[in-house]
Protein backbone atom coordinates (compact mmCIF):
# COMPACT_ATOMS: atom_id res chain seq x y z
CA MET A 1 -29.48 58.48 -121.94
CA SER A 2 -27.88 61.46 -121.25
CA SER A 3 -30.36 63.55 -123.34
CA LEU A 4 -33.31 61.81 -120.79
CA GLN A 5 -31.34 63.14 -117.86
CA GLN A 6 -31.04 66.56 -119.44
CA LEU A 7 -34.91 66.56 -121.05
CA PHE A 8 -36.14 65.59 -116.92
CA THR A 9 -33.74 67.63 -115.00
CA THR A 10 -34.82 70.79 -113.59
CA GLN A 11 -32.16 73.23 -112.36
CA PHE A 12 -32.78 76.18 -110.05
CA ASP A 13 -30.98 79.25 -109.63
CA ALA A 14 -30.85 80.49 -106.50
CA ASN A 15 -30.36 84.10 -107.42
CA THR A 16 -33.33 83.79 -109.27
CA ILE A 17 -35.76 82.64 -106.46
CA LYS A 18 -37.20 85.64 -104.23
CA GLN A 19 -38.86 84.87 -100.94
CA VAL A 20 -40.72 87.73 -98.97
CA LYS A 21 -41.78 86.26 -95.39
CA LEU A 22 -45.36 87.90 -94.40
CA MET A 23 -46.99 88.86 -90.85
CA ASP A 24 -43.56 87.77 -88.67
CA GLY A 25 -43.32 84.42 -90.85
CA LYS A 26 -46.63 83.38 -90.78
CA ALA A 27 -46.88 83.31 -94.68
CA LEU A 28 -44.39 83.03 -97.14
CA LEU A 29 -44.63 84.69 -100.52
CA TYR A 30 -42.23 83.54 -103.36
CA LYS A 31 -42.17 82.72 -107.19
CA ARG A 32 -41.86 79.03 -108.57
CA PRO A 33 -39.23 78.78 -111.20
CA GLN A 34 -41.84 78.22 -114.56
CA SER A 35 -44.10 80.83 -113.08
CA VAL A 36 -44.57 85.09 -113.29
CA GLN A 37 -47.11 85.17 -110.79
CA TRP A 38 -46.20 85.33 -106.86
CA GLN A 39 -47.84 82.37 -104.24
CA VAL A 40 -48.33 82.43 -101.31
CA ARG A 41 -47.63 79.01 -98.88
CA PHE A 42 -48.59 79.16 -94.98
CA LYS A 43 -49.24 76.04 -92.37
CA LEU A 44 -52.61 75.38 -91.49
CA ALA A 45 -53.92 74.41 -88.17
CA ASN A 46 -53.45 70.78 -88.99
CA ASN A 47 -49.80 71.68 -89.58
CA LYS A 48 -50.71 71.10 -93.45
CA TRP A 49 -49.43 73.63 -95.72
CA HIS A 50 -51.97 75.02 -98.12
CA SER A 51 -50.61 77.19 -101.15
CA THR A 52 -52.15 79.20 -103.74
CA THR A 53 -51.52 81.58 -106.39
CA THR A 54 -52.02 85.44 -105.41
CA ASN A 55 -53.23 86.20 -109.59
CA THR A 56 -50.18 88.76 -109.83
CA THR A 57 -47.12 89.80 -111.01
CA ASP A 58 -46.52 93.06 -109.02
CA ILE A 59 -45.13 92.06 -105.63
CA GLU A 60 -47.15 94.63 -104.14
CA GLN A 61 -50.59 93.76 -105.30
CA ALA A 62 -49.02 90.12 -104.34
CA LYS A 63 -48.56 91.29 -100.39
CA ILE A 64 -52.11 92.13 -100.36
CA ASN A 65 -53.36 89.50 -101.84
CA ALA A 66 -51.74 87.01 -99.47
CA ILE A 67 -52.74 88.84 -96.43
CA ALA A 68 -56.48 88.40 -97.51
CA ILE A 69 -56.08 84.87 -98.85
CA TYR A 70 -54.55 84.01 -95.54
CA GLU A 71 -57.08 85.66 -93.35
CA THR A 72 -59.96 84.08 -95.88
CA VAL A 73 -58.56 80.75 -94.58
CA LYS A 74 -58.38 81.32 -91.39
CA ILE A 75 -61.84 82.82 -90.95
CA LYS A 76 -63.23 79.41 -93.17
CA THR A 77 -61.36 77.12 -90.57
CA ASP A 78 -62.72 78.70 -87.62
CA ALA A 79 -65.99 78.49 -88.72
CA GLY A 80 -65.26 74.41 -89.75
CA LEU A 81 -65.75 75.30 -93.94
CA ALA A 82 -63.86 73.81 -96.76
CA ILE A 83 -61.00 75.66 -97.61
CA THR A 84 -61.35 75.03 -101.06
CA THR A 85 -64.45 73.96 -103.15
CA LYS A 86 -65.00 70.35 -104.69
CA ILE A 87 -65.91 69.51 -108.00
CA PHE A 88 -69.08 66.99 -108.12
CA LYS A 89 -67.40 63.97 -108.42
CA GLN A 90 -65.69 63.68 -105.50
CA ILE A 91 -68.75 64.84 -103.57
CA ALA A 92 -70.44 61.64 -105.29
CA LEU A 93 -67.89 59.63 -104.28
CA ASP A 94 -67.83 60.84 -100.54
CA GLU A 95 -71.49 60.43 -100.50
CA ILE A 96 -71.85 56.83 -102.06
CA ALA A 97 -68.51 55.97 -99.12
CA ASN A 98 -71.09 56.98 -96.46
CA MET A 99 -74.24 55.07 -97.48
CA SER A 100 -71.79 52.46 -98.37
CA ARG A 101 -70.29 52.61 -94.34
CA ALA A 102 -74.47 53.42 -93.47
CA LEU A 103 -75.08 49.84 -95.01
CA ASP A 104 -72.33 47.98 -93.61
CA ASN A 105 -73.19 49.11 -90.12
CA ASN A 106 -76.81 48.23 -90.80
CA ILE A 107 -78.18 51.84 -89.74
CA GLY A 108 -78.90 52.57 -93.53
CA ARG A 109 -81.74 50.92 -95.68
CA ARG A 110 -82.14 49.93 -99.41
CA VAL A 111 -85.52 51.58 -101.02
CA ILE A 112 -86.71 49.55 -103.86
CA PRO A 113 -89.30 51.97 -105.65
CA PRO A 114 -92.63 50.32 -106.48
CA PRO A 115 -93.02 49.17 -109.90
CA LEU A 116 -94.20 51.78 -112.67
CA ASN A 117 -97.97 51.45 -113.44
CA LEU A 118 -98.28 51.50 -117.45
CA THR A 119 -101.55 50.89 -117.81
C-alpha cells in the first residue's frame, strides 16, 4: 500500500514554485512543478480562470507573451469570440443538440430527400 501512495503522491517544494504578478495582479505568471515553461493565469469577465502556456522558458520573454495573451483574450471576449478554437467533434455535437432542441420545440423540420431515380 505504501508503494501506491508513493507512486501517486506529488510533493511540492515551496522554493521551486515561482510566481510573478503582472499588470497590477491581473495576471499571474508561474511555473508548474513538472514543467520548464512559464504559464499564465488570469480571471475572465465571467469569473472563470483561464490558464495557458507562454511557450518559453525565459522569464522576460514569458512576461511579454503573457501580456500579449491577456490582451488577445480580452479583445476576443469583448468581441464575443471564442477564446479557444473548437474541434470538429465539439461543433458537430453542439449542432446536433441545437437541431434536437429545434425539433422538440416544433421550430425545426425533418427533410426527407426524394428517392433516387436510377433509370
